[in-house]
Structures are given as C-alpha cells and as structure tokens.
Amino acid sequence: MSVREFVVLGTASQVPTRHRNHNGYLLRWDGEGILFDPGEGTQRQMLRAGVAAHDLHRICVTHFHGDHSLGLAGVIQRINLDRVPHEITAHFPRSGQRFYDRLRHATAYRETVPLTEVPVDSDGVLASTKSYVLEAHKLSHPVESYGYRLVEPDGRRMLPERLASYGIRGADVGRIQREGALGDVSLDEVSEVRRGQRFAFVMDTRLCDGVYALAEGCDMLVIESTFLDGDVQLAVDHGHLTAGQAGAVARDAGVRHLVLTHFSQRYDDPDEFERQARAAGFEGELTVAHDLLRVPVPKRR
C-alpha cells in the first residue's frame, strides 16, 4: 500500500528556539523519500521522527542560507555511514555549487555512496518517474532560491455503472484498461480521468510568479510564513511571506491543504498564523506545522 505523507523535522526560520529546530522536511511518496532543506540538526530530528538514511531518495535544497542547508553535511555523511544501497539525487541551485561542495566535503569521512547531482538553473522539469514529475520554479529571495513541485500523472477511474451497462465484468475490466478498448467499447466510455495529486514546497520568497506557479491546484502546499501581517514590510525587505499572504496564495491557487511553516522566533502564538491565513479567505484544510508532525497528503479527489 502506497504511503504519501509529509513529515516535519523542523519549523524555525533563521534562529531556532527551545521548541523549534531549524528547517527539515521529508515527503514520503510511494516508497520514495524526498528530503527538503536539511537545516542544522536534521540528522537528529530524523532519528526522533523515525526517518532513516535508507528512506532517502532525493534531497532538494531551495537555497543556501544556513537554516536550510547546514544539516546537509551530517545527512550526507550518514548516508555514507549507513551505505544506502540505492541512488540518491541532490537538487540545489547551480549558483550555490560551491556551498554544496563545501558541505558535502566539510569533514573527513569514507565516501561509500555516490550522490547524483542535478543542479537547478531555470524553471522546468528535473525528473520524471512513474509516480511523479518533479519541477522547479524560481522564487524571489536575496540569494537565488527555487521551490519544488511534484505532479502525479493523471490516471483513469473506472465507472461501475457504465461497465455494467456494457456487460463488462471480471477479467474484462483489466483488459479494457490495458488495451483501451473491448470490442466496440472504448475505455473513455466506461471511465473518466482521475486527476493526479500535486504537492508543492515553497520556502523563502516574496510574492512572485514562481509562488503561484508552484501552488496552482495543489492538494498540499507547504509554504513559509515567516512573519505575521503586521510585519509585512519586514517580509518584503528580507524576502519572505506573511501568514496572510500565504493564505491568499492558497486561496487563489485552489489549494486543498495548506501547511504553514518557517516561523520567526519573535512570535510565541502559533494560532495567530492560522487566524491570519483564514482572514485572507483560505477555507481548505490548514495546518500550522510543529516539529515532528506527520501530515497525510489528501486523498485523491
């Protein structure tokens, strides 16, 4: 049975707190694990969350500020220590290649697992698998930053009433799915398109076209909301979003489940982030993330 869930390892922005570790997030998607933005302390948070190095298949870094990447050295060394047997691919802005290289070789260790590097330098598709297409879109931050988006290919949903009306049952159902037709009956006549799931990960950014491209039609949108709306000028100055802006993006993009994260240490009431996102008009599911939280990806429509 496939598992699709989002595991929160850390939710702090630049400064961690007693209750919030630096960033770190894992998406479990049909037997693959995609690690996003491993900040300082991610390896220990993985242990606390029950996430092993063997669970990782991709590492996606949005940008090379420390709270999003300083844990990369420890994670890579753990991958090698545990001799992970499958390929692991790392995505990161190509402009930060020197930072990636320094983190990968920050200290001496025995390299047993070759990491495949697929840097990002423009909007577009990074990888295609049977379960998803991975895309990147550029964001607006003081250093080059990209958000990531997974899109599951559309499938087909069989319609029992239509099948019955044509007398199609048993093994013939599988046959028409495989062959596209059974006699004079086409697959289109007894099924409908089942829209693939969509997931997006949006970190440090101002409002920009990339934010909306990533969020469009998502079943789950994980998005930074560093500031509350009263500090909107700070958000603009430092290249971040407010809770209200994140809620408005989710509202306009038709998001089903909004996950807010990456909170400034200046705030001590997490419920206010939800209140402001709701005040912006978002009416779907909403989660204010906290460390070690697990959030199921919404079931297909």
C-alpha atoms as a PDB file:
ATOM      1  CA  MET A   1       0.000   0.000   0.000  1.00  0.00           C
ATOM      2  CA  SER A   2       1.441   3.359  -1.014  1.00  0.00           C
ATOM      3  CA  VAL A   3       2.106   5.954   1.687  1.00  0.00           C
ATOM      4  CA  ARG A   4       2.008   9.647   0.991  1.00  0.00           C
ATOM      5  CA  GLU A   5       2.726  11.813   3.996  1.00  0.00           C
ATOM      6  CA  PHE A   6       4.668  14.899   4.934  1.00  0.00           C
ATOM      7  CA  VAL A   7       6.979  14.608   7.951  1.00  0.00           C
ATOM      8  CA  VAL A   8       8.009  17.862   9.639  1.00  0.00           C
ATOM      9  CA  LEU A   9      11.514  17.735  11.132  1.00  0.00           C
ATOM     10  CA  GLY A  10      11.960  21.429  11.947  1.00  0.00           C
ATOM     11  CA  THR A  11       9.998  24.657  11.582  1.00  0.00           C
ATOM     12  CA  ALA A  12      12.198  27.540  12.759  1.00  0.00           C
ATOM     13  CA  SER A  13      13.491  30.245  10.469  1.00  0.00           C
ATOM     14  CA  GLN A  14      16.914  31.843  10.967  1.00  0.00           C
ATOM     15  CA  VAL A  15      17.072  31.321  14.739  1.00  0.00           C
ATOM     16  CA  PRO A  16      15.980  28.003  16.303  1.00  0.00           C
ATOM     17  CA  THR A  17      14.118  28.034  19.604  1.00  0.00           C
ATOM     18  CA  ARG A  18      13.664  25.629  22.510  1.00  0.00           C
ATOM     19  CA  HIS A  19      10.671  24.152  20.679  1.00  0.00           C
ATOM     20  CA  ARG A  20      11.575  24.605  17.019  1.00  0.00           C
ATOM     21  CA  ASN A  21      14.534  23.059  15.241  1.00  0.00           C
ATOM     22  CA  HIS A  22      15.912  24.559  12.069  1.00  0.00           C
ATOM     23  CA  ASN A  23      14.153  23.558   8.850  1.00  0.00           C
ATOM     24  CA  GLY A  24      13.931  19.982   7.662  1.00  0.00           C
ATOM     25  CA  TYR A  25      11.087  18.155   5.917  1.00  0.00           C
ATOM     26  CA  LEU A  26      10.534  14.704   4.427  1.00  0.00           C
ATOM     27  CA  LEU A  27       7.902  13.795   1.858  1.00  0.00           C
ATOM     28  CA  ARG A  28       7.081  10.091   1.671  1.00  0.00           C
ATOM     29  CA  TRP A  29       5.676   9.318  -1.742  1.00  0.00           C
ATOM     30  CA  ASP A  30       5.021   5.716  -2.851  1.00  0.00           C
ATOM     31  CA  GLY A  31       8.157   4.188  -1.367  1.00  0.00           C
ATOM     32  CA  GLU A  32      10.406   7.168  -2.079  1.00  0.00           C
ATOM     33  CA  GLY A  33      11.595   9.746   0.413  1.00  0.00           C
ATOM     34  CA  ILE A  34      12.344  13.318  -0.622  1.00  0.00           C
ATOM     35  CA  LEU A  35      14.218  15.406   1.950  1.00  0.00           C
ATOM     36  CA  PHE A  36      13.729  19.159   1.671  1.00  0.00           C
ATOM     37  CA  ASP A  37      16.013  21.843   3.135  1.00  0.00           C
ATOM     38  CA  PRO A  38      18.011  19.961   5.790  1.00  0.00           C
ATOM     39  CA  GLY A  39      18.963  22.667   8.261  1.00  0.00           C
ATOM     40  CA  GLU A  40      21.207  22.268  11.277  1.00  0.00           C
ATOM     41  CA  GLY A  41      20.181  19.330  13.461  1.00  0.00           C
ATOM     42  CA  THR A  42      18.274  17.476  10.742  1.00  0.00           C
ATOM     43  CA  GLN A  43      20.085  14.176  11.318  1.00  0.00           C
ATOM     44  CA  ARG A  44      18.970  14.110  14.963  1.00  0.00           C
ATOM     45  CA  GLN A  45      15.428  15.151  14.054  1.00  0.00           C
ATOM     46  CA  MET A  46      15.314  12.277  11.566  1.00  0.00           C
ATOM     47  CA  LEU A  47      16.155   9.902  14.405  1.00  0.00           C
ATOM     48  CA  ARG A  48      13.402  11.363  16.581  1.00  0.00           C
ATOM     49  CA  ALA A  49      10.882  11.116  13.727  1.00  0.00           C
ATOM     50  CA  GLY A  50      11.783   7.547  12.790  1.00  0.00           C
ATOM     51  CA  VAL A  51      13.306   8.536   9.441  1.00  0.00           C
ATOM     52  CA  ALA A  52      16.368   6.549   8.346  1.00  0.00           C
ATOM     53  CA  ALA A  53      19.018   7.386   5.771  1.00  0.00           C
ATOM     54  CA  HIS A  54      17.729   4.402   3.783  1.00  0.00           C
ATOM     55  CA  ASP A  55      14.397   6.242   3.424  1.00  0.00           C
ATOM     56  CA  LEU A  56      16.007   8.993   1.336  1.00  0.00           C
ATOM     57  CA  HIS A  57      15.988   9.017  -2.475  1.00  0.00           C
ATOM     58  CA  ARG A  58      16.229  12.742  -3.231  1.00  0.00           C
ATOM     59  CA  ILE A  59      17.483  15.812  -1.426  1.00  0.00           C
ATOM     60  CA  CYS A  60      16.031  19.142  -2.569  1.00  0.00           C
ATOM     61  CA  VAL A  61      17.648  22.345  -1.306  1.00  0.00           C
ATOM     62  CA  THR A  62      15.790  25.562  -2.093  1.00  0.00           C
ATOM     63  CA  HIS A  63      18.736  27.877  -1.367  1.00  0.00           C
ATOM     64  CA  PHE A  64      21.967  28.097   0.593  1.00  0.00           C
ATOM     65  CA  HIS A  65      21.094  30.044   3.701  1.00  0.00           C
ATOM     66  CA  GLY A  66      22.244  28.121   6.770  1.00  0.00           C
ATOM     67  CA  ASP A  67      18.821  27.342   8.221  1.00  0.00           C
ATOM     68  CA  HIS A  68      18.019  25.468   5.000  1.00  0.00           C
ATOM     69  CA  SER A  69      21.299  23.688   4.321  1.00  0.00           C
ATOM     70  CA  LEU A  70      23.735  23.418   7.256  1.00  0.00           C
ATOM     71  CA  GLY A  71      22.416  19.933   8.081  1.00  0.00           C
ATOM     72  CA  LEU A  72      23.374  18.693   4.631  1.00  0.00           C
ATOM     73  CA  ALA A  73      26.872  17.693   5.748  1.00  0.00           C
ATOM     74  CA  GLY A  74      25.595  15.420   8.506  1.00  0.00           C
ATOM     75  CA  VAL A  75      22.877  13.873   6.351  1.00  0.00           C
ATOM     76  CA  ILE A  76      25.312  13.069   3.548  1.00  0.00           C
ATOM     77  CA  GLN A  77      27.797  11.542   5.956  1.00  0.00           C
ATOM     78  CA  ARG A  78      25.023   9.418   7.495  1.00  0.00           C
ATOM     79  CA  ILE A  79      24.006   8.217   4.034  1.00  0.00           C
ATOM     80  CA  ASN A  80      27.582   7.039   3.525  1.00  0.00           C
ATOM     81  CA  LEU A  81      27.955   5.585   7.018  1.00  0.00           C
ATOM     82  CA  ASP A  82      24.795   3.506   6.514  1.00  0.00           C
ATOM     83  CA  ARG A  83      25.852   2.514   2.981  1.00  0.00           C
ATOM     84  CA  VAL A  84      22.485   3.307   1.441  1.00  0.00           C
ATOM     85  CA  PRO A  85      22.179   0.824  -1.461  1.00  0.00           C
ATOM     86  CA  HIS A  86      20.101   2.877  -3.889  1.00  0.00           C
ATOM     87  CA  GLU A  87      20.778   6.014  -5.902  1.00  0.00           C
ATOM     88  CA  ILE A  88      20.250   9.353  -4.176  1.00  0.00           C
ATOM     89  CA  THR A  89      19.896  12.510  -6.230  1.00  0.00           C
ATOM     90  CA  ALA A  90      20.609  16.006  -4.941  1.00  0.00           C
ATOM     91  CA  HIS A  91      18.918  19.106  -6.389  1.00  0.00           C
ATOM     92  CA  PHE A  92      20.067  22.618  -5.480  1.00  0.00           C
ATOM     93  CA  PRO A  93      20.578  25.984  -7.198  1.00  0.00           C
ATOM     94  CA  ARG A  94      23.525  25.699  -9.555  1.00  0.00           C
ATOM     95  CA  SER A  95      24.721  29.115  -8.386  1.00  0.00           C
ATOM     96  CA  GLY A  96      25.331  27.524  -4.969  1.00  0.00           C
ATOM     97  CA  GLN A  97      27.517  24.684  -6.251  1.00  0.00           C
ATOM     98  CA  ARG A  98      30.462  25.894  -4.155  1.00  0.00           C
ATOM     99  CA  PHE A  99      28.366  25.761  -0.984  1.00  0.00           C
ATOM    100  CA  TYR A 100      27.099  22.284  -1.813  1.00  0.00           C
ATOM    101  CA  ASP A 101      30.660  21.080  -2.436  1.00  0.00           C
ATOM    102  CA  ARG A 102      31.866  22.545   0.860  1.00  0.00           C
ATOM    103  CA  LEU A 103      29.037  20.939   2.813  1.00  0.00           C
ATOM    104  CA  ARG A 104      29.464  17.588   1.099  1.00  0.00           C
ATOM    105  CA  HIS A 105      33.165  17.557   1.974  1.00  0.00           C
ATOM    106  CA  ALA A 106      33.014  19.559   5.208  1.00  0.00           C
ATOM    107  CA  THR A 107      34.986  16.928   7.172  1.00  0.00           C
ATOM    108  CA  ALA A 108      36.795  13.666   6.553  1.00  0.00           C
ATOM    109  CA  TYR A 109      34.642  10.551   6.070  1.00  0.00           C
ATOM    110  CA  ARG A 110      34.605   7.403   3.965  1.00  0.00           C
ATOM    111  CA  GLU A 111      32.558   8.007   0.828  1.00  0.00           C
ATOM    112  CA  THR A 112      30.655   4.823   0.006  1.00  0.00           C
ATOM    113  CA  VAL A 113      27.584   6.211  -1.784  1.00  0.00           C
ATOM    114  CA  PRO A 114      27.917   8.320  -4.926  1.00  0.00           C
ATOM    115  CA  LEU A 115      25.352  11.106  -4.943  1.00  0.00           C
ATOM    116  CA  THR A 116      23.914  12.108  -8.297  1.00  0.00           C
ATOM    117  CA  GLU A 117      23.856  15.877  -8.708  1.00  0.00           C
ATOM    118  CA  VAL A 118      21.149  17.543 -10.778  1.00  0.00           C
ATOM    119  CA  PRO A 119      21.504  21.285 -10.091  1.00  0.00           C
ATOM    120  CA  VAL A 120      18.740  23.753 -10.896  1.00  0.00           C
ATOM    121  CA  ASP A 121      19.354  26.846 -13.007  1.00  0.00           C
ATOM    122  CA  SER A 122      15.956  27.543 -14.572  1.00  0.00           C
ATOM    123  CA  ASP A 123      12.266  26.728 -14.303  1.00  0.00           C
ATOM    124  CA  GLY A 124      11.314  23.313 -15.587  1.00  0.00           C
ATOM    125  CA  VAL A 125      11.260  19.551 -15.086  1.00  0.00           C
ATOM    126  CA  LEU A 126      14.055  17.991 -13.032  1.00  0.00           C
ATOM    127  CA  ALA A 127      12.964  14.362 -13.034  1.00  0.00           C
ATOM    128  CA  SER A 128      10.193  12.067 -14.281  1.00  0.00           C
ATOM    129  CA  THR A 129       9.260   8.781 -12.608  1.00  0.00           C
ATOM    130  CA  LYS A 130       6.216   6.509 -12.771  1.00  0.00           C
ATOM    131  CA  SER A 131       4.853   8.204  -9.647  1.00  0.00           C
ATOM    132  CA  TYR A 132       5.594  11.878 -10.281  1.00  0.00           C
ATOM    133  CA  VAL A 133       7.197  14.633 -12.285  1.00  0.00           C
ATOM    134  CA  LEU A 134       9.455  16.900 -10.208  1.00  0.00           C
ATOM    135  CA  GLU A 135       9.510  20.554 -11.262  1.00  0.00           C
ATOM    136  CA  ALA A 136      11.336  23.658 -10.037  1.00  0.00           C
ATOM    137  CA  HIS A 137      10.331  27.316 -10.191  1.00  0.00           C
ATOM    138  CA  LYS A 138      12.446  30.305  -9.292  1.00  0.00           C
ATOM    139  CA  LEU A 139      11.475  32.372  -6.257  1.00  0.00           C
ATOM    140  CA  SER A 140      12.319  35.908  -5.055  1.00  0.00           C
ATOM    141  CA  HIS A 141      14.877  35.993  -2.229  1.00  0.00           C
ATOM    142  CA  PRO A 142      18.168  37.853  -1.621  1.00  0.00           C
ATOM    143  CA  VAL A 143      20.028  34.710  -2.767  1.00  0.00           C
ATOM    144  CA  GLU A 144      18.916  32.501  -5.646  1.00  0.00           C
ATOM    145  CA  SER A 145      16.128  30.231  -4.480  1.00  0.00           C
ATOM    146  CA  TYR A 146      13.865  27.636  -6.112  1.00  0.00           C
ATOM    147  CA  GLY A 147      10.666  25.968  -4.994  1.00  0.00           C
ATOM    148  CA  TYR A 148       9.781  22.374  -5.874  1.00  0.00           C
ATOM    149  CA  ARG A 149       6.574  20.763  -7.101  1.00  0.00           C
ATOM    150  CA  LEU A 150       5.548  17.123  -7.593  1.00  0.00           C
ATOM    151  CA  VAL A 151       2.833  16.290 -10.100  1.00  0.00           C
ATOM    152  CA  GLU A 152       1.432  12.779 -10.312  1.00  0.00           C
ATOM    153  CA  PRO A 153       0.438  11.722 -13.850  1.00  0.00           C
ATOM    154  CA  ASP A 154      -3.316  11.612 -14.406  1.00  0.00           C
ATOM    155  CA  GLY A 155      -4.911   8.170 -14.295  1.00  0.00           C
ATOM    156  CA  ARG A 156      -8.308   6.669 -15.059  1.00  0.00           C
ATOM    157  CA  ARG A 157     -11.213   5.968 -12.728  1.00  0.00           C
ATOM    158  CA  MET A 158     -13.472   3.112 -13.805  1.00  0.00           C
ATOM    159  CA  LEU A 159     -17.233   3.788 -13.594  1.00  0.00           C
ATOM    160  CA  PRO A 160     -19.109   0.699 -12.320  1.00  0.00           C
ATOM    161  CA  GLU A 161     -22.462   1.808 -13.736  1.00  0.00           C
ATOM    162  CA  ARG A 162     -21.032   2.265 -17.222  1.00  0.00           C
ATOM    163  CA  LEU A 163     -19.194  -1.059 -17.052  1.00  0.00           C
ATOM    164  CA  ALA A 164     -22.410  -2.795 -16.014  1.00  0.00           C
ATOM    165  CA  SER A 165     -24.392  -1.161 -18.798  1.00  0.00           C
ATOM    166  CA  TYR A 166     -21.993  -2.676 -21.339  1.00  0.00           C
ATOM    167  CA  GLY A 167     -21.853  -6.026 -19.545  1.00  0.00           C
ATOM    168  CA  ILE A 168     -18.138  -5.684 -18.779  1.00  0.00           C
ATOM    169  CA  ARG A 169     -17.056  -7.565 -15.659  1.00  0.00           C
ATOM    170  CA  GLY A 170     -14.285  -9.661 -14.142  1.00  0.00           C
ATOM    171  CA  ALA A 171     -11.091 -10.028 -16.168  1.00  0.00           C
ATOM    172  CA  ASP A 172     -12.532  -7.896 -18.973  1.00  0.00           C
ATOM    173  CA  VAL A 173     -12.261  -4.811 -16.746  1.00  0.00           C
ATOM    174  CA  GLY A 174      -8.490  -5.224 -16.602  1.00  0.00           C
ATOM    175  CA  ARG A 175      -8.354  -5.964 -20.298  1.00  0.00           C
ATOM    176  CA  ILE A 176     -10.107  -2.756 -21.340  1.00  0.00           C
ATOM    177  CA  GLN A 177      -7.815  -0.803 -19.014  1.00  0.00           C
ATOM    178  CA  ARG A 178      -4.729  -2.326 -20.629  1.00  0.00           C
ATOM    179  CA  GLU A 179      -5.859  -2.285 -24.253  1.00  0.00           C
ATOM    180  CA  GLY A 180      -8.003   0.852 -24.336  1.00  0.00           C
ATOM    181  CA  ALA A 181     -10.996  -0.890 -25.864  1.00  0.00           C
ATOM    182  CA  LEU A 182     -13.049  -4.070 -25.682  1.00  0.00           C
ATOM    183  CA  GLY A 183     -14.855  -4.809 -28.887  1.00  0.00           C
ATOM    184  CA  ASP A 184     -16.758  -1.666 -29.807  1.00  0.00           C
ATOM    185  CA  VAL A 185     -16.495  -0.177 -26.307  1.00  0.00           C
ATOM    186  CA  SER A 186     -13.689   2.315 -25.690  1.00  0.00           C
ATOM    187  CA  LEU A 187     -12.053   2.992 -22.345  1.00  0.00           C
ATOM    188  CA  ASP A 188     -13.368   6.574 -22.462  1.00  0.00           C
ATOM    189  CA  GLU A 189     -16.942   5.257 -22.448  1.00  0.00           C
ATOM    190  CA  VAL A 190     -16.563   3.399 -19.144  1.00  0.00           C
ATOM    191  CA  SER A 191     -14.115   5.592 -17.247  1.00  0.00           C
ATOM    192  CA  GLU A 192     -13.111   9.161 -16.501  1.00  0.00           C
ATOM    193  CA  VAL A 193      -9.848  10.995 -15.921  1.00  0.00           C
ATOM    194  CA  ARG A 194      -8.576  10.742 -12.343  1.00  0.00           C
ATOM    195  CA  ARG A 195      -6.507  13.831 -11.702  1.00  0.00           C
ATOM    196  CA  GLY A 196      -3.050  13.146 -10.289  1.00  0.00           C
ATOM    197  CA  GLN A 197      -2.090  14.561  -6.919  1.00  0.00           C
ATOM    198  CA  ARG A 198       0.041  17.693  -6.669  1.00  0.00           C
ATOM    199  CA  PHE A 199       2.404  18.790  -3.913  1.00  0.00           C
ATOM    200  CA  ALA A 200       4.470  21.972  -3.662  1.00  0.00           C
ATOM    201  CA  PHE A 201       7.238  23.141  -1.342  1.00  0.00           C
ATOM    202  CA  VAL A 202       7.739  26.918  -1.205  1.00  0.00           C
ATOM    203  CA  MET A 203      10.344  28.388   1.103  1.00  0.00           C
ATOM    204  CA  ASP A 204      11.997  31.781   1.455  1.00  0.00           C
ATOM    205  CA  THR A 205      10.454  34.176  -1.040  1.00  0.00           C
ATOM    206  CA  ARG A 206       8.497  37.330  -1.614  1.00  0.00           C
ATOM    207  CA  LEU A 207       5.291  37.117  -3.628  1.00  0.00           C
ATOM    208  CA  CYS A 208       6.259  36.381  -7.235  1.00  0.00           C
ATOM    209  CA  ASP A 209       5.111  34.408 -10.282  1.00  0.00           C
ATOM    210  CA  GLY A 210       7.009  31.346  -9.103  1.00  0.00           C
ATOM    211  CA  VAL A 211       4.971  31.137  -5.898  1.00  0.00           C
ATOM    212  CA  TYR A 212       1.710  30.976  -7.843  1.00  0.00           C
ATOM    213  CA  ALA A 213       3.065  28.539 -10.436  1.00  0.00           C
ATOM    214  CA  LEU A 214       4.129  26.166  -7.671  1.00  0.00           C
ATOM    215  CA  ALA A 215       0.881  26.459  -5.694  1.00  0.00           C
ATOM    216  CA  GLU A 216      -1.587  26.151  -8.580  1.00  0.00           C
ATOM    217  CA  GLY A 217      -4.112  23.383  -7.963  1.00  0.00           C
ATOM    218  CA  CYS A 218      -2.084  21.680  -5.215  1.00  0.00           C
ATOM    219  CA  ASP A 219      -3.534  19.037  -2.958  1.00  0.00           C
ATOM    220  CA  MET A 220      -0.896  20.064  -0.400  1.00  0.00           C
ATOM    221  CA  LEU A 221       1.061  23.313  -0.311  1.00  0.00           C
ATOM    222  CA  VAL A 222       3.866  23.649   2.227  1.00  0.00           C
ATOM    223  CA  ILE A 223       4.778  27.312   2.364  1.00  0.00           C
ATOM    224  CA  GLU A 224       6.798  29.647   4.536  1.00  0.00           C
ATOM    225  CA  SER A 225       5.002  32.230   6.644  1.00  0.00           C
ATOM    226  CA  THR A 226       7.917  33.773   8.467  1.00  0.00           C
ATOM    227  CA  PHE A 227       6.086  36.922   9.547  1.00  0.00           C
ATOM    228  CA  LEU A 228       2.655  37.981  10.692  1.00  0.00           C
ATOM    229  CA  ASP A 229       0.828  40.567   8.617  1.00  0.00           C
ATOM    230  CA  GLY A 230       1.717  43.458  10.896  1.00  0.00           C
ATOM    231  CA  ASP A 231       5.347  42.981   9.865  1.00  0.00           C
ATOM    232  CA  VAL A 232       4.714  42.888   6.119  1.00  0.00           C
ATOM    233  CA  GLN A 233       7.438  45.456   5.415  1.00  0.00           C
ATOM    234  CA  LEU A 234       9.981  43.260   7.182  1.00  0.00           C
ATOM    235  CA  ALA A 235       8.804  40.385   4.995  1.00  0.00           C
ATOM    236  CA  VAL A 236       9.315  42.406   1.816  1.00  0.00           C
ATOM    237  CA  ASP A 237      12.702  43.713   2.939  1.00  0.00           C
ATOM    238  CA  HIS A 238      14.059  40.269   3.813  1.00  0.00           C
ATOM    239  CA  GLY A 239      12.411  38.274   1.027  1.00  0.00           C
ATOM    240  CA  HIS A 240       9.701  36.441   2.949  1.00  0.00           C
ATOM    241  CA  LEU A 241       5.937  35.939   3.167  1.00  0.00           C
ATOM    242  CA  THR A 242       3.409  36.708   5.869  1.00  0.00           C
ATOM    243  CA  ALA A 243       0.734  34.317   7.075  1.00  0.00           C
ATOM    244  CA  GLY A 244      -1.938  36.366   5.320  1.00  0.00           C
ATOM    245  CA  GLN A 245      -0.024  36.333   2.044  1.00  0.00           C
ATOM    246  CA  ALA A 246       0.415  32.559   2.268  1.00  0.00           C
ATOM    247  CA  GLY A 247      -3.303  32.151   2.926  1.00  0.00           C
ATOM    248  CA  ALA A 248      -4.188  34.364  -0.034  1.00  0.00           C
ATOM    249  CA  VAL A 249      -1.893  32.382  -2.339  1.00  0.00           C
ATOM    250  CA  ALA A 250      -3.553  29.141  -1.245  1.00  0.00           C
ATOM    251  CA  ARG A 251      -7.000  30.669  -1.706  1.00  0.00           C
ATOM    252  CA  ASP A 252      -6.290  31.920  -5.221  1.00  0.00           C
ATOM    253  CA  ALA A 253      -4.491  28.711  -6.284  1.00  0.00           C
ATOM    254  CA  GLY A 254      -7.276  26.366  -5.169  1.00  0.00           C
ATOM    255  CA  VAL A 255      -5.106  24.544  -2.612  1.00  0.00           C
ATOM    256  CA  ARG A 256      -6.792  21.760  -0.639  1.00  0.00           C
ATOM    257  CA  HIS A 257      -4.435  21.525   2.361  1.00  0.00           C
ATOM    258  CA  LEU A 258      -2.203  24.416   3.399  1.00  0.00           C
ATOM    259  CA  VAL A 259       0.781  23.778   5.696  1.00  0.00           C
ATOM    260  CA  LEU A 260       2.387  26.885   7.206  1.00  0.00           C
ATOM    261  CA  THR A 261       5.964  26.734   8.491  1.00  0.00           C
ATOM    262  CA  HIS A 262       9.304  28.617   8.841  1.00  0.00           C
ATOM    263  CA  PHE A 263       8.312  30.895  11.710  1.00  0.00           C
ATOM    264  CA  SER A 264      10.294  33.817  13.089  1.00  0.00           C
ATOM    265  CA  GLN A 265      11.405  33.425  16.695  1.00  0.00           C
ATOM    266  CA  ARG A 266       9.782  36.785  17.503  1.00  0.00           C
ATOM    267  CA  TYR A 267       6.303  35.204  17.743  1.00  0.00           C
ATOM    268  CA  ASP A 268       5.053  32.981  20.557  1.00  0.00           C
ATOM    269  CA  ASP A 269       1.424  32.369  19.495  1.00  0.00           C
ATOM    270  CA  PRO A 270       1.284  29.857  16.608  1.00  0.00           C
ATOM    271  CA  ASP A 271      -2.513  30.117  16.439  1.00  0.00           C
ATOM    272  CA  GLU A 272      -2.192  33.675  15.122  1.00  0.00           C
ATOM    273  CA  PHE A 273      -0.676  32.337  11.887  1.00  0.00           C
ATOM    274  CA  GLU A 274      -3.807  30.280  11.281  1.00  0.00           C
ATOM    275  CA  ARG A 275      -6.087  33.181  12.144  1.00  0.00           C
ATOM    276  CA  GLN A 276      -4.379  35.454   9.633  1.00  0.00           C
ATOM    277  CA  ALA A 277      -4.329  32.823   6.874  1.00  0.00           C
ATOM    278  CA  ARG A 278      -8.048  32.271   7.446  1.00  0.00           C
ATOM    279  CA  ALA A 279      -8.699  36.013   7.469  1.00  0.00           C
ATOM    280  CA  ALA A 280      -7.177  36.119   3.976  1.00  0.00           C
ATOM    281  CA  GLY A 281     -10.009  33.868   2.804  1.00  0.00           C
ATOM    282  CA  PHE A 282      -8.482  30.395   2.734  1.00  0.00           C
ATOM    283  CA  GLU A 283     -11.190  27.834   3.593  1.00  0.00           C
ATOM    284  CA  GLY A 284      -9.474  24.476   2.989  1.00  0.00           C
ATOM    285  CA  GLU A 285      -7.595  22.278   5.435  1.00  0.00           C
ATOM    286  CA  LEU A 286      -4.914  24.218   7.289  1.00  0.00           C
ATOM    287  CA  THR A 287      -2.047  23.023   9.467  1.00  0.00           C
ATOM    288  CA  VAL A 288       0.349  25.208  11.438  1.00  0.00           C
ATOM    289  CA  ALA A 289       3.380  22.946  11.460  1.00  0.00           C
ATOM    290  CA  HIS A 290       5.304  21.949  14.542  1.00  0.00           C
ATOM    291  CA  ASP A 291       8.381  19.778  14.861  1.00  0.00           C
ATOM    292  CA  LEU A 292       7.895  16.010  14.390  1.00  0.00           C
ATOM    293  CA  LEU A 293       4.383  16.418  12.995  1.00  0.00           C
ATOM    294  CA  ARG A 294       3.144  13.963  10.328  1.00  0.00           C
ATOM    295  CA  VAL A 295       0.587  15.251   7.833  1.00  0.00           C
ATOM    296  CA  PRO A 296      -1.098  12.858   5.354  1.00  0.00           C
ATOM    297  CA  VAL A 297      -1.303  14.088   1.778  1.00  0.00           C
ATOM    298  CA  PRO A 298      -5.040  14.455   0.998  1.00  0.00           C
ATOM    299  CA  LYS A 299      -6.603  11.501  -0.787  1.00  0.00           C
ATOM    300  CA  ARG A 300      -7.285  11.851  -4.483  1.00  0.00           C
ATOM    301  CA  ARG A 301     -10.458  13.675  -5.384  1.00  0.00           C
END
